[in-house]
């Protein structure tokens, strides 16, 4: 495999094909990363390098750290960094953004356009928006002070979406898109199925555990303190302070209620128009914003079910053909009598001395980890 080293203008400044180790860590709900170890003989090639590109990967990586190490095999260079999505972390949402009844993908694209593309001095060169797919649910939301990349991943995660910022080598463009993995569950007939089960002889060393220590299913969301104006018996005006509170109910039938209190006073019921005038938001819209915050926080308080197993390298499922990053798949444990449906949220590809292995992580709802396949 050839790795092209690109400078800050994305011009080729070196080629590395004699590395001893490469770990390419792809992630669905956060920015991926990599680790490269190669001979000291390549030191000069890295002098002006900023990016690592290969036609073997969709992702392009940014070089961030440098280590010079003495090993039993001699002196080596160790370089690490994150994928191109990281450049969005260089921007913050410094002024309040308010979106009404807009789908998640359009909100995210709007944020990238506002803070990275048509952004004056903050514009990121060669960055463009890719194809729109119409993904995500409609929502009313307000945000300010967040790191741009963190907020984008947070919004996408709620709708099981992800983002990619890939380098179009031929056109010298950075292309931003929102995307979603395929549905490979056995309840659909559009895509081929991906079912991991001992009965299908495609997994080994199966382990399972569950933990609901931090689980909550009902939230009280307390917003800003509002002035409630009324009239006294003598006709004079009285004003009292009232906290705006709403709830989010996720209690399933037969389930015990486990409550969470959320302080969301940072969400304001006023927004500013293009001329700097303050406009009062409709009460229904403000309540919806509070509910969105409640959903966000409840998503952080889920049950954790963990299954650790190895994929049989001689099994019926092949990486990138039958399952890939972002795909929704099925794990079946017939001995315990349950199925788990979730997304693959991480794939680590490792290249060591000419051999390739992968490790696949199944998503956070059930936190299925350490699924490995030898290639």
Protein backbone atom coordinates (compact mmCIF):
# COMPACT_ATOMS: atom_id res chain seq x y z
CA UNK A 1 0.00 0.00 0.00
CA UNK A 2 1.25 3.49 -0.89
CA UNK A 3 0.62 6.43 1.41
CA UNK A 4 0.89 9.84 -0.24
CA UNK A 5 2.17 12.65 1.94
CA UNK A 6 0.57 16.00 1.06
CA UNK A 7 1.68 19.48 2.12
CA UNK A 8 -0.60 22.25 3.39
CA UNK A 9 -1.64 23.02 -0.21
CA UNK A 10 -2.44 19.32 -0.80
CA UNK A 11 0.54 18.90 -3.13
CA UNK A 12 2.43 15.57 -3.02
CA UNK A 13 5.63 15.94 -1.02
CA UNK A 14 6.45 12.27 -0.33
CA UNK A 15 5.45 8.63 -0.72
CA UNK A 16 5.69 6.03 2.07
CA UNK A 17 5.30 2.34 1.23
CA UNK A 18 7.68 0.70 3.71
CA UNK A 19 5.87 1.31 7.00
CA UNK A 20 6.09 -1.35 9.72
CA UNK A 21 2.70 -0.49 11.25
CA UNK A 22 -0.44 1.43 10.32
CA UNK A 23 -3.60 1.61 12.43
CA UNK A 24 -6.54 3.29 10.63
CA UNK A 25 -9.29 3.86 13.19
CA UNK A 26 -12.64 4.71 11.52
CA UNK A 27 -15.49 5.99 13.71
CA UNK A 28 -19.16 6.78 13.11
CA UNK A 29 -20.12 9.17 15.92
CA UNK A 30 -16.77 10.92 16.34
CA UNK A 31 -13.67 11.85 14.39
CA UNK A 32 -11.46 8.92 13.39
CA UNK A 33 -7.70 8.75 13.88
CA UNK A 34 -4.57 6.91 12.76
CA UNK A 35 -1.11 5.83 13.90
CA UNK A 36 1.78 5.25 11.49
CA UNK A 37 5.21 3.82 12.28
CA UNK A 38 7.93 3.85 9.64
CA UNK A 39 11.68 3.91 9.19
CA UNK A 40 13.83 6.89 10.10
CA UNK A 41 14.82 6.87 6.41
CA UNK A 42 11.49 8.60 5.67
CA UNK A 43 12.25 11.54 7.95
CA UNK A 44 13.00 13.96 5.12
CA UNK A 45 9.71 13.16 3.37
CA UNK A 46 7.72 14.25 6.42
CA UNK A 47 9.43 17.65 6.63
CA UNK A 48 6.66 19.55 4.78
CA UNK A 49 3.89 16.96 5.10
CA UNK A 50 0.54 17.85 6.68
CA UNK A 51 -1.81 15.18 5.33
CA UNK A 52 -1.78 11.41 4.65
CA UNK A 53 -3.77 10.23 1.64
CA UNK A 54 -4.32 6.80 0.09
CA UNK A 55 -6.67 5.58 -2.61
CA UNK A 56 -7.30 2.58 -0.32
CA UNK A 57 -9.19 4.76 2.18
CA UNK A 58 -12.13 7.13 1.91
CA UNK A 59 -10.63 9.16 4.75
CA UNK A 60 -7.64 11.51 4.58
CA UNK A 61 -5.69 12.07 7.79
CA UNK A 62 -4.06 15.14 9.32
CA UNK A 63 -0.58 14.71 10.80
CA UNK A 64 -0.66 16.03 14.37
CA UNK A 65 2.06 14.37 16.48
CA UNK A 66 5.66 13.30 15.91
CA UNK A 67 7.71 10.79 17.89
CA UNK A 68 11.28 9.61 17.29
CA UNK A 69 11.71 6.16 18.87
CA UNK A 70 14.62 3.72 19.25
CA UNK A 71 13.49 0.08 18.98
CA UNK A 72 15.17 -3.30 18.73
CA UNK A 73 14.81 -3.00 14.95
CA UNK A 74 16.42 0.44 14.92
CA UNK A 75 15.26 4.07 14.84
CA UNK A 76 11.67 4.68 13.74
CA UNK A 77 9.27 7.58 13.26
CA UNK A 78 5.82 7.42 14.86
CA UNK A 79 3.17 9.81 13.46
CA UNK A 80 -0.42 10.11 14.67
CA UNK A 81 -3.39 12.35 13.96
CA UNK A 82 -7.07 12.55 13.20
CA UNK A 83 -9.11 12.49 10.01
CA UNK A 84 -10.09 15.58 8.00
CA UNK A 85 -13.31 16.12 9.99
CA UNK A 86 -11.00 17.50 12.68
CA UNK A 87 -10.69 20.85 10.89
CA UNK A 88 -14.29 21.61 11.90
CA UNK A 89 -13.11 21.51 15.53
CA UNK A 90 -11.16 24.70 14.79
CA UNK A 91 -14.41 26.67 14.80
CA UNK A 92 -16.83 27.54 17.60
CA UNK A 93 -20.47 28.62 17.38
CA UNK A 94 -19.76 32.09 18.75
CA UNK A 95 -23.22 33.56 18.18
CA UNK A 96 -26.65 32.09 18.82
CA UNK A 97 -28.00 29.89 16.03
CA UNK A 98 -31.74 29.23 15.94
CA UNK A 99 -33.41 26.68 13.66
CA UNK A 100 -37.17 26.11 13.35
CA UNK A 101 -38.74 22.92 12.03
CA UNK A 102 -35.62 21.95 10.05
CA UNK A 103 -34.23 18.45 9.44
CA UNK A 104 -30.91 17.51 11.04
CA UNK A 105 -28.95 17.34 7.79
CA UNK A 106 -29.98 20.85 6.79
CA UNK A 107 -29.09 22.21 10.24
CA UNK A 108 -25.62 20.65 10.04
CA UNK A 109 -25.01 21.85 6.47
CA UNK A 110 -26.15 25.33 7.49
CA UNK A 111 -23.66 25.36 10.39
CA UNK A 112 -20.77 24.31 8.15
CA UNK A 113 -21.71 26.92 5.57
CA UNK A 114 -22.02 29.68 8.19
CA UNK A 115 -18.82 29.01 10.12
CA UNK A 116 -16.52 27.42 7.51
CA UNK A 117 -17.53 28.21 3.92
CA UNK A 118 -19.16 31.65 3.68
CA UNK A 119 -17.41 32.79 6.83
CA UNK A 120 -15.16 35.70 5.87
CA UNK A 121 -11.77 35.41 7.58
CA UNK A 122 -12.89 32.09 9.12
CA UNK A 123 -13.43 30.43 5.71
CA UNK A 124 -11.67 27.08 5.20
CA UNK A 125 -10.09 26.99 1.74
CA UNK A 126 -11.46 24.58 -0.87
CA UNK A 127 -14.27 23.35 1.44
CA UNK A 128 -17.60 22.74 -0.31
CA UNK A 129 -20.91 21.06 0.53
CA UNK A 130 -21.51 17.72 -1.17
CA UNK A 131 -24.77 16.07 -2.15
CA UNK A 132 -27.82 16.67 0.06
CA UNK A 133 -29.71 13.48 0.98
CA UNK A 134 -32.59 14.77 3.14
CA UNK A 135 -31.60 12.86 6.30
CA UNK A 136 -32.91 13.25 9.84
CA UNK A 137 -36.01 14.39 11.63
CA UNK A 138 -37.36 17.93 11.85
CA UNK A 139 -36.49 19.83 15.00
CA UNK A 140 -36.53 23.28 16.58
CA UNK A 141 -33.26 23.99 18.30
CA UNK A 142 -31.05 26.79 19.65
CA UNK A 143 -27.29 26.67 20.23
CA UNK A 144 -24.42 28.95 21.15
CA UNK A 145 -20.91 28.57 22.53
CA UNK A 146 -20.43 24.99 21.32
CA UNK A 147 -17.44 23.58 19.48
CA UNK A 148 -18.65 23.16 15.90
CA UNK A 149 -17.46 19.57 15.38
CA UNK A 150 -18.72 18.38 18.76
CA UNK A 151 -22.15 19.92 18.16
CA UNK A 152 -22.43 18.43 14.67
CA UNK A 153 -21.64 14.92 15.94
CA UNK A 154 -24.09 15.41 18.81
CA UNK A 155 -26.92 16.39 16.44
CA UNK A 156 -26.15 13.55 14.02
CA UNK A 157 -25.98 10.91 16.73
CA UNK A 158 -29.56 11.59 17.82
CA UNK A 159 -30.74 10.54 14.33
CA UNK A 160 -28.12 7.76 13.86
CA UNK A 161 -26.36 9.87 11.23
CA UNK A 162 -22.71 10.64 10.65
CA UNK A 163 -20.57 13.05 8.64
CA UNK A 164 -17.64 12.69 6.29
CA UNK A 165 -15.22 15.30 5.08
CA UNK A 166 -13.28 13.70 2.25
CA UNK A 167 -10.58 14.97 -0.08
CA UNK A 168 -11.45 14.96 -3.77
CA UNK A 169 -7.91 14.41 -5.08
CA UNK A 170 -8.72 15.03 -8.75
CA UNK A 171 -10.51 18.35 -8.15
CA UNK A 172 -8.55 19.50 -5.08
CA UNK A 173 -11.70 20.02 -3.01
CA UNK A 174 -12.68 19.16 0.56
CA UNK A 175 -16.22 17.77 0.38
CA UNK A 176 -18.53 17.76 3.41
CA UNK A 177 -21.54 15.42 3.55
CA UNK A 178 -23.99 13.92 6.04
CA UNK A 179 -24.54 10.18 5.58
CA UNK A 180 -26.04 7.05 7.14
CA UNK A 181 -24.95 3.42 7.03
CA UNK A 182 -27.03 0.70 5.40
CA UNK A 183 -29.74 -1.29 7.15
CA UNK A 184 -28.59 -4.93 7.11
CA UNK A 185 -31.09 -6.32 9.61
CA UNK A 186 -33.16 -9.39 8.76
CA UNK A 187 -36.36 -7.31 8.95
CA UNK A 188 -35.67 -5.64 5.56
CA UNK A 189 -35.12 -6.91 2.03
CA UNK A 190 -33.31 -3.98 0.39
CA UNK A 191 -29.79 -4.93 1.48
CA UNK A 192 -28.11 -8.25 2.26
CA UNK A 193 -28.36 -9.32 5.89
CA UNK A 194 -25.52 -9.18 8.41
CA UNK A 195 -26.34 -11.42 11.38
CA UNK A 196 -23.69 -12.40 13.92
CA UNK A 197 -24.52 -15.61 15.80
CA UNK A 198 -22.86 -18.78 17.08
CA UNK A 199 -25.50 -20.76 15.21
CA UNK A 200 -24.23 -19.21 11.96
CA UNK A 201 -20.66 -20.11 12.97
CA UNK A 202 -19.40 -16.58 12.29
CA UNK A 203 -18.47 -15.60 15.86
CA UNK A 204 -16.16 -17.10 18.46
CA UNK A 205 -15.50 -16.60 22.20
CA UNK A 206 -18.86 -14.96 22.89
CA UNK A 207 -19.25 -12.98 26.16
CA UNK A 208 -22.20 -10.87 27.36
CA UNK A 209 -22.87 -8.45 30.24
CA UNK A 210 -25.44 -5.72 31.03
CA UNK A 211 -25.46 -2.60 33.23
CA UNK A 212 -28.31 -0.15 33.89
CA UNK A 213 -26.63 1.82 36.70
CA UNK A 214 -27.01 5.18 34.93
CA UNK A 215 -30.26 4.41 33.08
CA UNK A 216 -33.02 7.05 33.11
CA UNK A 217 -36.29 7.09 31.15
CA UNK A 218 -38.08 10.27 32.30
CA UNK A 219 -36.74 13.82 32.28
CA UNK A 220 -37.85 17.11 33.82
CA UNK A 221 -36.36 19.90 31.70
CA UNK A 222 -36.25 23.32 33.38
CA UNK A 223 -35.78 26.30 31.06
CA UNK A 224 -35.46 30.02 31.70
CA UNK A 225 -37.21 31.94 34.45
CA UNK A 226 -40.06 33.98 32.95
CA UNK A 227 -42.00 36.95 34.29
CA UNK A 228 -45.70 36.11 34.86
CA UNK A 229 -47.74 39.32 34.91
CA UNK A 230 -51.14 39.47 36.62
CA UNK A 231 -53.49 41.82 38.49
CA UNK A 232 -53.93 42.29 42.26
CA UNK A 233 -57.36 42.62 43.87
CA UNK A 234 -56.90 46.39 43.99
CA UNK A 235 -56.26 46.53 40.25
CA UNK A 236 -52.51 47.04 40.45
CA UNK A 237 -50.14 44.95 38.35
CA UNK A 238 -48.18 42.13 39.96
CA UNK A 239 -45.25 40.24 38.53
CA UNK A 240 -44.08 36.83 39.69
CA UNK A 241 -41.19 34.69 38.55
CA UNK A 242 -42.04 31.36 36.90
CA UNK A 243 -39.64 28.60 35.78
CA UNK A 244 -40.65 27.07 32.46
CA UNK A 245 -40.57 23.28 32.85
CA UNK A 246 -41.52 20.47 30.48
CA UNK A 247 -41.04 16.70 30.51
CA UNK A 248 -39.80 13.90 28.24
CA UNK A 249 -41.41 10.52 28.91
CA UNK A 250 -39.64 7.37 27.67
CA UNK A 251 -41.07 4.96 30.21
CA UNK A 252 -41.99 1.71 28.47
CA UNK A 253 -44.99 -0.43 29.44
CA UNK A 254 -44.22 -2.40 32.61
CA UNK A 255 -41.00 -0.46 33.23
CA UNK A 256 -40.08 1.36 36.43
CA UNK A 257 -39.86 5.15 36.18
CA UNK A 258 -36.30 6.51 36.60
CA UNK A 259 -36.17 10.30 36.61
CA UNK A 260 -33.59 12.88 35.55
CA UNK A 261 -33.63 16.65 36.23
CA UNK A 262 -32.06 18.87 33.55
CA UNK A 263 -31.19 22.54 34.07
CA UNK A 264 -31.60 24.15 30.63
CA UNK A 265 -31.80 27.82 31.58
CA UNK A 266 -29.17 28.55 28.89
CA UNK A 267 -31.93 28.10 26.28
CA UNK A 268 -33.55 31.49 25.75
CA UNK A 269 -37.04 32.30 24.47
CA UNK A 270 -35.80 35.24 22.42
CA UNK A 271 -33.76 35.37 19.23
CA UNK A 272 -32.17 38.20 17.26
CA UNK A 273 -33.10 39.01 13.67
CA UNK A 274 -30.71 40.16 10.95
CA UNK A 275 -30.99 43.78 12.11
CA UNK A 276 -30.20 43.00 15.73
CA UNK A 277 -33.78 43.25 16.97
CA UNK A 278 -34.95 40.90 19.70
CA UNK A 279 -37.86 38.62 18.76
CA UNK A 280 -39.87 36.51 21.20
CA UNK A 281 -40.06 32.84 20.26
CA UNK A 282 -43.48 31.17 20.31
CA UNK A 283 -44.07 29.22 23.52
CA UNK A 284 -44.62 25.97 21.58
CA UNK A 285 -41.27 26.40 19.84
CA UNK A 286 -39.49 27.06 23.13
CA UNK A 287 -41.06 23.99 24.74
CA UNK A 288 -39.89 21.93 21.76
CA UNK A 289 -36.34 23.20 22.28
CA UNK A 290 -36.50 22.09 25.91
CA UNK A 291 -37.74 18.67 24.85
CA UNK A 292 -34.85 18.36 22.39
CA UNK A 293 -32.46 19.04 25.28
CA UNK A 294 -34.24 16.39 27.34
CA UNK A 295 -33.89 13.81 24.57
CA UNK A 296 -30.21 14.67 24.22
CA UNK A 297 -29.54 14.12 27.94
CA UNK A 298 -31.61 10.93 28.17
CA UNK A 299 -29.56 9.56 25.29
CA UNK A 300 -26.56 9.85 27.61
CA UNK A 301 -28.32 7.74 30.26
CA UNK A 302 -28.98 4.50 28.40
CA UNK A 303 -28.62 0.90 29.46
CA UNK A 304 -25.24 -0.61 28.57
CA UNK A 305 -25.21 -4.14 27.20
CA UNK A 306 -21.85 -5.50 26.11
CA UNK A 307 -21.00 -8.47 23.94
CA UNK A 308 -17.37 -9.33 23.20
CA UNK A 309 -16.58 -11.89 20.55
CA UNK A 310 -14.30 -12.58 17.61
CA UNK A 311 -15.55 -12.95 14.06
CA UNK A 312 -14.62 -16.28 12.52
CA UNK A 313 -12.22 -15.36 9.66
CA UNK A 314 -13.74 -18.20 7.59
CA UNK A 315 -17.31 -17.00 8.16
CA UNK A 316 -19.98 -15.97 5.67
CA UNK A 317 -19.55 -12.20 6.34
CA UNK A 318 -16.85 -10.16 4.58
CA UNK A 319 -15.83 -6.67 5.72
CA UNK A 320 -16.76 -3.83 3.32
CA UNK A 321 -18.86 -6.23 1.25
CA UNK A 322 -21.33 -7.71 3.76
CA UNK A 323 -20.90 -5.17 6.58
CA UNK A 324 -19.16 -1.81 6.98
CA UNK A 325 -18.87 1.24 9.21
CA UNK A 326 -22.31 2.67 10.00
CA UNK A 327 -24.31 -0.40 8.96
CA UNK A 328 -27.13 -1.54 11.23
CA UNK A 329 -26.68 -5.26 11.89
CA UNK A 330 -28.01 -8.00 14.18
CA UNK A 331 -26.34 -9.90 17.02
CA UNK A 332 -28.17 -13.04 18.18
CA UNK A 333 -27.53 -14.90 21.41
CA UNK A 334 -29.71 -18.00 21.23
CA UNK A 335 -28.56 -19.36 24.59
CA UNK A 336 -29.78 -16.24 26.43
CA UNK A 337 -32.70 -15.80 24.05
CA UNK A 338 -32.34 -12.27 22.69
CA UNK A 339 -31.37 -10.30 19.59
CA UNK A 340 -29.63 -6.93 19.50
CA UNK A 341 -29.93 -4.57 16.54
CA UNK A 342 -27.39 -1.77 16.36
CA UNK A 343 -24.95 0.14 14.18
CA UNK A 344 -21.27 -0.52 13.66
CA UNK A 345 -19.77 2.67 15.10
CA UNK A 346 -16.09 1.84 14.78
CA UNK A 347 -13.77 -0.14 12.51
CA UNK A 348 -10.03 -0.32 13.20
CA UNK A 349 -7.91 -1.56 10.31
CA UNK A 350 -4.41 -2.63 11.36
CA UNK A 351 -1.50 -3.33 9.00
CA UNK A 352 1.46 -4.99 10.73
CA UNK A 353 4.39 -6.36 8.73
CA UNK A 354 2.26 -6.97 5.66
CA UNK A 355 -0.70 -8.55 7.49
CA UNK A 356 -4.12 -6.92 7.86
CA UNK A 357 -6.64 -7.35 10.68
CA UNK A 358 -9.82 -5.48 11.59
CA UNK A 359 -11.60 -4.82 14.87
CA UNK A 360 -15.25 -3.79 14.75
CA UNK A 361 -17.18 -1.98 17.51
CA UNK A 362 -20.97 -2.26 17.75
CA UNK A 363 -22.75 0.89 18.93
CA UNK A 364 -23.24 2.62 22.21
CA UNK A 365 -26.84 1.63 22.90
CA UNK A 366 -25.58 -1.86 23.59
CA UNK A 367 -21.85 -1.09 23.47
CA UNK A 368 -20.84 -4.27 21.65
CA UNK A 369 -17.03 -4.24 21.54
CA UNK A 370 -13.93 -5.98 20.34
CA UNK A 371 -15.32 -7.79 17.35
CA UNK A 372 -12.25 -8.90 15.40
CA UNK A 373 -11.70 -10.45 12.01
CA UNK A 374 -8.42 -11.55 10.50
CA UNK A 375 -8.08 -10.85 6.80
